[in-house]
Amino acid sequence: MELHDIWFILIAVLWTGYFFLEGFDFGIGVLTKLLARDRRERRVLINTIGPVWDGNEVWLLSAGGATFAAFPEWYATLFSGFYLPLLLILVCLIVRGVAFEYRVKRDEERWQRNWEHAIFWCSLLPAFLWGVAFGNIVHGVQIDAHKEYVGSVLDLLNPYALLGGLVTLSLFTFHGAVFASLKTLGDIRERARRTATVLGLITAVLAVGFLGWTQLDKGDTSSLVAMIVAMLALVAGLVMNRLGREGWSFAFSGVTIVAAVAMLFLTLFPNVMPSSLNDSWSLTVSNASSSAYTLKIMTWCAGIATPVVMLYQGWTYWVFRKRIGTQHIADAH
C-alpha cells in the first residue's frame, strides 16, 4: 500500500470523525426549534453541547488541512468548484459559533430569539449541504482535462446530491435527538426519545434510497457490506431507543454514520473526485497527491498529533458526562 492510499484512508477517518461528532451537535441545533418548547428547554439543549461543539470542529480543520497537504489537486478543484456552498457552510459555522456565545450576553427577548434562529438555521444548512457536497463528490462532477471543474452551481443541485443532503440532515438530527435523550433529564428526555423514533424512521427511508442508489451506481462487495452494517445499526439504534437504552442507541446511531461514510469512500476509491465528462480526467489518489516526501513528513506529524487530540477530546466528554435538565438552568438565563 502506497502512502497516498494510506492518506486517503486517514482523510476518510477524519471526515468520519467529524460527521460522527459534529453530526449530533448539528442535530441539537436543529432540535432547538423542533424539540424545545420554551427558552429554558432550548438552553438545556444548547448546554448539552456547550463544552464540546468547538472541539468537534477540530476534525473539520484537520480534514481540510490534511486534504490540502496530501492531495492539493483535490483540494484546489473541490474548493474552486464548490466555492459557494462551502463558503455558505463556513459562514454558517462562524455565525453559529458567535450565536452560542452571544445569545446570553443580553436579557432582551428579541436579542435571544434572533440568536436562537441563527443557531437553528446555521445548524440545518451545513447538515444539508455536507450531504449535497459529498453526494456530488461520489457521483462525479464536470472536471475537464486540466483537472478543473467546469460546471455551475446549479449542476451541483442534482437529484442524487439533494437526496444525499436530506439523508445527512435527517441522520444528523436523529443522532442529535438520541444524544439529547442521553444527556437530559425529565420531560425533555422522554420527548427526545419519541422524536428520535420519528426521525429514525424518516432517515431509514431516505437512507435506503440514497445508499441503494450509490450501491447500484458505483458499489462493490465491500461497499455493500458497509451499507448493510449502516442499515442494521440504524435499526438497532431505533430498537435501543424504544427500550430506553440511550447509550446503546447513541452508539448504534454513530455506527450508522461511520458505516455510511465508509461506504461513500469505498465507492470513491481510487478516485478522489470522479469526472462525469471522461473517466480519464478524474482526480485519483495518485495523480492528485503530494510528493512521497511530503506524505512521509505528514505521516510522522499525524502519528504524534492525532492521539493527543483524541485523548483531550475524550477527557472533555468524560468531564462533562452528566445529564442536565431545566432545573439546572438559572432564572436569569
Protein backbone atom coordinates (compact mmCIF):
# COMPACT_ATOMS: atom_id res chain seq x y z
CA MET A 1 0.00 0.00 0.00
CA GLU A 2 1.38 3.39 -1.05
CA LEU A 3 1.48 6.45 1.20
CA HIS A 4 -1.20 8.20 -0.86
CA ASP A 5 -3.51 5.23 -0.26
CA ILE A 6 -2.86 5.49 3.49
CA TRP A 7 -3.62 9.20 3.42
CA PHE A 8 -6.86 8.59 1.57
CA ILE A 9 -7.85 6.28 4.44
CA LEU A 10 -6.73 8.82 7.05
CA ILE A 11 -8.76 11.59 5.41
CA ALA A 12 -11.76 9.26 5.33
CA VAL A 13 -11.26 8.66 9.07
CA LEU A 14 -11.08 12.40 9.75
CA TRP A 15 -14.29 13.09 7.83
CA THR A 16 -15.97 10.17 9.57
CA GLY A 17 -14.94 11.51 12.97
CA TYR A 18 -16.20 14.97 12.02
CA PHE A 19 -19.61 13.72 10.92
CA PHE A 20 -19.92 11.48 13.99
CA LEU A 21 -19.17 14.32 16.42
CA GLU A 22 -20.42 17.40 14.61
CA GLY A 23 -23.43 15.42 13.43
CA PHE A 24 -25.09 15.29 16.82
CA ASP A 25 -24.41 18.94 17.63
CA PHE A 26 -25.86 19.96 14.24
CA GLY A 27 -28.82 17.81 15.26
CA ILE A 28 -29.09 19.56 18.63
CA GLY A 29 -29.10 22.91 16.84
CA VAL A 30 -32.00 21.80 14.63
CA LEU A 31 -33.84 20.39 17.65
CA THR A 32 -33.79 23.75 19.42
CA LYS A 33 -36.82 24.51 17.23
CA LEU A 34 -38.27 21.02 16.76
CA LEU A 35 -38.00 19.69 20.32
CA ALA A 36 -37.66 22.54 22.80
CA ARG A 37 -40.92 24.16 23.90
CA ASP A 38 -39.54 27.29 25.53
CA ARG A 39 -36.37 29.26 26.07
CA ARG A 40 -35.37 27.25 29.15
CA GLU A 41 -35.53 23.96 27.23
CA ARG A 42 -33.55 25.47 24.36
CA ARG A 43 -30.92 26.44 26.90
CA VAL A 44 -30.83 22.83 28.15
CA LEU A 45 -30.24 21.54 24.64
CA ILE A 46 -27.54 24.12 23.93
CA ASN A 47 -25.83 23.27 27.21
CA THR A 48 -25.60 19.59 26.26
CA ILE A 49 -23.12 20.53 23.53
CA GLY A 50 -21.75 23.73 25.08
CA PRO A 51 -18.46 22.21 26.30
CA VAL A 52 -17.79 20.14 23.16
CA TRP A 53 -19.12 21.75 19.98
CA ASP A 54 -15.98 23.77 19.25
CA GLY A 55 -13.76 20.74 19.88
CA ASN A 56 -15.83 18.77 17.38
CA GLU A 57 -14.93 21.27 14.68
CA VAL A 58 -11.24 20.42 15.13
CA TRP A 59 -11.95 17.37 12.99
CA LEU A 60 -13.13 19.59 10.12
CA LEU A 61 -9.97 21.68 10.33
CA SER A 62 -7.88 18.53 10.38
CA ALA A 63 -9.73 17.00 7.42
CA GLY A 64 -9.43 20.20 5.37
CA GLY A 65 -5.76 20.68 6.26
CA ALA A 66 -4.93 17.05 5.51
CA THR A 67 -6.66 17.27 2.13
CA PHE A 68 -4.74 20.46 1.29
CA ALA A 69 -1.39 18.94 2.21
CA ALA A 70 -1.84 15.36 0.99
CA PHE A 71 -3.98 15.96 -2.14
CA PRO A 72 -3.51 19.57 -3.29
CA GLU A 73 -5.11 18.92 -6.69
CA TRP A 74 -8.22 17.52 -4.98
CA TYR A 75 -8.33 20.48 -2.60
CA ALA A 76 -7.93 23.03 -5.40
CA THR A 77 -10.61 21.53 -7.63
CA LEU A 78 -13.00 20.93 -4.74
CA PHE A 79 -12.77 24.40 -3.24
CA SER A 80 -12.91 26.19 -6.58
CA GLY A 81 -15.79 24.15 -7.99
CA PHE A 82 -17.78 24.03 -4.73
CA TYR A 83 -16.85 27.57 -3.69
CA LEU A 84 -20.33 28.94 -2.99
CA PRO A 85 -21.75 26.00 -0.99
CA LEU A 86 -18.52 25.65 1.00
CA LEU A 87 -18.47 29.39 1.66
CA LEU A 88 -22.07 29.17 2.88
CA ILE A 89 -21.09 26.32 5.21
CA LEU A 90 -18.16 28.37 6.53
CA VAL A 91 -20.34 31.43 7.15
CA CYS A 92 -22.90 29.24 8.95
CA LEU A 93 -20.23 27.75 11.20
CA ILE A 94 -18.94 31.22 12.08
CA VAL A 95 -22.39 32.65 12.81
CA ARG A 96 -23.35 29.53 14.76
CA GLY A 97 -20.30 29.82 16.99
CA VAL A 98 -21.00 33.50 17.62
CA ALA A 99 -24.64 32.68 18.40
CA PHE A 100 -23.67 30.16 21.08
CA GLU A 101 -21.52 32.76 22.81
CA TYR A 102 -23.64 35.89 22.32
CA ARG A 103 -27.13 34.52 22.98
CA VAL A 104 -26.98 35.04 26.75
CA LYS A 105 -24.98 38.28 26.74
CA ARG A 106 -28.21 40.31 26.95
CA ASP A 107 -31.57 39.60 28.57
CA GLU A 108 -33.82 41.09 25.88
CA GLU A 109 -36.21 38.56 24.38
CA ARG A 110 -35.68 39.77 20.81
CA TRP A 111 -31.89 39.52 21.15
CA GLN A 112 -32.03 35.94 22.39
CA ARG A 113 -34.70 34.91 19.87
CA ASN A 114 -32.64 36.18 16.92
CA TRP A 115 -29.57 34.24 18.03
CA GLU A 116 -31.72 31.14 18.52
CA HIS A 117 -32.89 31.50 14.91
CA ALA A 118 -29.23 31.71 13.88
CA ILE A 119 -28.39 28.52 15.79
CA PHE A 120 -31.24 26.66 14.10
CA TRP A 121 -30.57 27.74 10.51
CA CYS A 122 -26.78 27.60 10.83
CA SER A 123 -27.09 24.01 12.05
CA LEU A 124 -29.67 22.93 9.46
CA LEU A 125 -27.93 24.34 6.38
CA PRO A 126 -24.47 22.76 6.93
CA ALA A 127 -26.10 19.43 7.85
CA PHE A 128 -27.87 19.51 4.48
CA LEU A 129 -25.05 21.00 2.39
CA TRP A 130 -22.42 18.49 3.53
CA GLY A 131 -24.61 15.73 2.12
CA VAL A 132 -25.01 17.63 -1.15
CA ALA A 133 -21.24 18.17 -1.38
CA PHE A 134 -20.29 14.55 -0.73
CA GLY A 135 -23.09 13.33 -2.97
CA ASN A 136 -21.53 15.26 -5.84
CA ILE A 137 -18.01 14.09 -4.99
CA VAL A 138 -19.08 10.43 -5.08
CA HIS A 139 -21.43 10.71 -8.07
CA GLY A 140 -18.96 12.68 -10.19
CA VAL A 141 -18.83 16.29 -11.42
CA GLN A 142 -17.79 18.07 -14.59
CA ILE A 143 -13.99 18.03 -14.48
CA ASP A 144 -12.10 18.73 -17.71
CA ALA A 145 -8.73 17.53 -18.96
CA HIS A 146 -6.97 20.26 -16.94
CA LYS A 147 -8.43 18.85 -13.71
CA GLU A 148 -10.66 21.90 -13.31
CA TYR A 149 -14.38 21.99 -12.50
CA VAL A 150 -16.28 23.45 -15.46
CA GLY A 151 -19.86 23.08 -14.26
CA SER A 152 -22.09 25.58 -12.47
CA VAL A 153 -23.59 25.78 -9.00
CA LEU A 154 -26.92 24.56 -10.39
CA ASP A 155 -25.21 21.41 -11.66
CA LEU A 156 -24.45 20.54 -8.04
CA LEU A 157 -28.18 20.54 -7.22
CA ASN A 158 -28.91 17.23 -8.94
CA PRO A 159 -31.39 14.66 -7.55
CA TYR A 160 -28.71 12.31 -6.18
CA ALA A 161 -26.89 15.07 -4.31
CA LEU A 162 -30.12 16.59 -2.97
CA LEU A 163 -31.16 13.17 -1.68
CA GLY A 164 -27.76 12.90 -0.03
CA GLY A 165 -28.39 16.25 1.66
CA LEU A 166 -31.73 15.07 3.02
CA VAL A 167 -30.07 11.89 4.33
CA THR A 168 -27.35 13.76 6.23
CA LEU A 169 -29.86 16.27 7.59
CA SER A 170 -32.24 13.59 8.86
CA LEU A 171 -29.44 11.31 10.11
CA PHE A 172 -27.67 14.09 12.00
CA THR A 173 -30.95 15.25 13.54
CA PHE A 174 -31.74 11.68 14.60
CA HIS A 175 -28.22 11.40 16.04
CA GLY A 176 -28.81 14.66 17.90
CA ALA A 177 -32.17 13.51 19.28
CA VAL A 178 -30.56 10.33 20.64
CA PHE A 179 -27.76 12.44 22.15
CA ALA A 180 -30.38 14.74 23.74
CA SER A 181 -32.11 11.76 25.33
CA LEU A 182 -28.73 10.58 26.63
CA LYS A 183 -27.79 13.94 28.14
CA THR A 184 -31.07 15.32 29.56
CA LEU A 185 -33.49 14.70 32.40
CA GLY A 186 -37.24 14.82 32.82
CA ASP A 187 -39.87 15.51 30.20
CA ILE A 188 -37.44 16.74 27.55
CA ARG A 189 -35.65 13.40 27.73
CA GLU A 190 -38.86 11.48 27.03
CA ARG A 191 -39.82 13.76 24.17
CA ALA A 192 -36.33 13.43 22.72
CA ARG A 193 -36.77 9.66 22.63
CA ARG A 194 -40.14 9.96 20.87
CA THR A 195 -38.69 12.46 18.41
CA ALA A 196 -35.73 10.15 17.74
CA THR A 197 -38.15 7.35 16.80
CA VAL A 198 -39.88 9.50 14.18
CA LEU A 199 -36.61 10.88 12.82
CA GLY A 200 -35.05 7.41 12.71
CA LEU A 201 -37.89 6.06 10.58
CA ILE A 202 -37.63 9.01 8.19
CA THR A 203 -33.87 8.52 7.99
CA ALA A 204 -34.26 4.81 7.26
CA VAL A 205 -36.50 5.51 4.26
CA LEU A 206 -34.19 8.19 2.85
CA ALA A 207 -31.02 6.18 3.55
CA VAL A 208 -32.31 3.08 1.79
CA GLY A 209 -32.90 5.17 -1.32
CA PHE A 210 -29.60 7.03 -1.23
CA LEU A 211 -27.31 4.15 -0.23
CA GLY A 212 -29.13 1.78 -2.57
CA TRP A 213 -28.68 4.23 -5.44
CA THR A 214 -24.98 4.55 -4.56
CA GLN A 215 -24.52 0.79 -4.47
CA LEU A 216 -26.25 0.23 -7.80
CA ASP A 217 -24.28 3.03 -9.44
CA LYS A 218 -20.75 2.52 -8.13
CA GLY A 219 -20.76 -0.16 -5.44
CA ASP A 220 -18.89 -3.42 -4.98
CA THR A 221 -18.85 -6.13 -2.32
CA SER A 222 -17.08 -4.02 0.32
CA SER A 223 -19.47 -1.11 -0.10
CA LEU A 224 -22.42 -3.50 0.08
CA VAL A 225 -21.14 -4.81 3.42
CA ALA A 226 -20.81 -1.22 4.69
CA MET A 227 -24.34 -0.44 3.51
CA ILE A 228 -25.75 -3.49 5.31
CA VAL A 229 -23.89 -2.53 8.51
CA ALA A 230 -25.27 1.02 8.29
CA MET A 231 -28.86 -0.14 7.90
CA LEU A 232 -28.61 -2.79 10.64
CA ALA A 233 -27.05 -0.25 13.00
CA LEU A 234 -29.85 2.22 12.28
CA VAL A 235 -32.47 -0.41 13.07
CA ALA A 236 -30.59 -1.40 16.23
CA GLY A 237 -30.43 2.26 17.27
CA LEU A 238 -34.19 2.58 16.86
CA VAL A 239 -34.79 -0.58 18.90
CA MET A 240 -32.48 0.55 21.70
CA ASN A 241 -34.15 3.95 21.71
CA ARG A 242 -37.57 2.34 22.17
CA LEU A 243 -36.18 0.26 25.03
CA GLY A 244 -34.80 3.35 26.74
CA ARG A 245 -31.17 2.27 26.35
CA GLU A 246 -29.92 5.69 25.26
CA GLY A 247 -26.22 4.84 25.46
CA TRP A 248 -26.58 1.88 23.12
CA SER A 249 -28.88 3.86 20.85
CA PHE A 250 -26.29 6.63 20.55
CA ALA A 251 -23.55 4.10 19.85
CA PHE A 252 -25.60 2.48 17.06
CA SER A 253 -26.57 5.83 15.51
CA GLY A 254 -22.86 6.63 15.49
CA VAL A 255 -22.08 3.31 13.81
CA THR A 256 -24.69 4.19 11.18
CA ILE A 257 -22.82 7.40 10.35
CA VAL A 258 -19.43 5.64 10.36
CA ALA A 259 -20.63 2.84 8.07
CA ALA A 260 -22.45 5.20 5.70
CA VAL A 261 -19.41 7.47 5.31
CA ALA A 262 -17.17 4.42 4.90
CA MET A 263 -19.45 3.21 2.10
CA LEU A 264 -19.11 6.53 0.27
CA PHE A 265 -15.32 6.46 0.48
CA LEU A 266 -15.22 2.80 -0.56
CA THR A 267 -17.21 3.56 -3.70
CA LEU A 268 -14.99 6.59 -4.36
CA PHE A 269 -11.56 4.88 -4.15
CA PRO A 270 -9.19 5.04 -6.03
CA ASN A 271 -10.75 8.28 -7.27
CA VAL A 272 -10.92 11.30 -5.02
CA MET A 273 -13.10 13.30 -7.40
CA PRO A 274 -14.52 11.47 -10.43
CA SER A 275 -15.12 13.30 -13.70
CA SER A 276 -18.55 12.88 -15.25
CA LEU A 277 -17.17 14.04 -18.60
CA ASN A 278 -14.38 11.49 -19.06
CA ASP A 279 -13.12 8.83 -16.65
CA SER A 280 -9.52 9.54 -17.65
CA TRP A 281 -9.91 13.12 -16.40
CA SER A 282 -10.84 12.03 -12.88
CA LEU A 283 -8.71 13.01 -9.92
CA THR A 284 -7.27 9.92 -8.26
CA VAL A 285 -5.14 9.17 -5.20
CA SER A 286 -2.08 9.00 -7.46
CA ASN A 287 -2.49 11.99 -9.79
CA ALA A 288 -3.85 14.37 -7.11
CA SER A 289 -1.40 13.60 -4.30
CA SER A 290 1.64 15.44 -2.97
CA SER A 291 5.15 14.06 -3.25
CA ALA A 292 6.18 10.98 -1.32
CA TYR A 293 8.49 13.10 0.88
CA THR A 294 5.61 15.43 1.87
CA LEU A 295 3.37 12.49 2.68
CA LYS A 296 6.13 10.89 4.76
CA ILE A 297 6.57 14.02 6.89
CA MET A 298 2.80 14.33 7.29
CA THR A 299 2.56 10.72 8.44
CA TRP A 300 5.02 11.36 11.28
CA CYS A 301 3.19 14.54 12.32
CA ALA A 302 -0.20 12.84 12.23
CA GLY A 303 1.10 9.89 14.22
CA ILE A 304 2.10 12.25 17.03
CA ALA A 305 -0.75 14.78 16.97
CA THR A 306 -3.79 12.54 16.39
CA PRO A 307 -3.55 10.54 19.65
CA VAL A 308 -3.17 13.80 21.61
CA VAL A 309 -6.31 15.27 20.04
CA MET A 310 -8.29 12.11 20.71
CA LEU A 311 -7.11 11.97 24.34
CA TYR A 312 -8.06 15.54 25.22
CA GLN A 313 -11.40 15.24 23.45
CA GLY A 314 -12.15 12.00 25.27
CA TRP A 315 -11.23 13.69 28.56
CA THR A 316 -13.61 16.58 27.77
CA TYR A 317 -16.53 14.24 27.15
CA TRP A 318 -15.74 12.37 30.37
CA VAL A 319 -15.67 15.55 32.47
CA PHE A 320 -18.99 16.80 31.07
CA ARG A 321 -20.73 13.42 31.02
CA LYS A 322 -23.58 14.16 33.46
CA ARG A 323 -27.18 14.75 32.45
CA ILE A 324 -28.80 18.17 32.77
CA GLY A 325 -32.41 19.35 32.99
CA THR A 326 -34.46 22.52 33.20
CA GLN A 327 -33.86 22.60 36.98
CA HIS A 328 -30.20 23.31 36.28
CA ILE A 329 -30.91 26.48 34.31
CA ALA A 330 -30.80 29.66 36.38
CA ASP A 331 -33.76 32.04 36.05
CA ALA A 332 -31.50 34.79 34.76
CA HIS A 333 -30.83 32.68 31.66
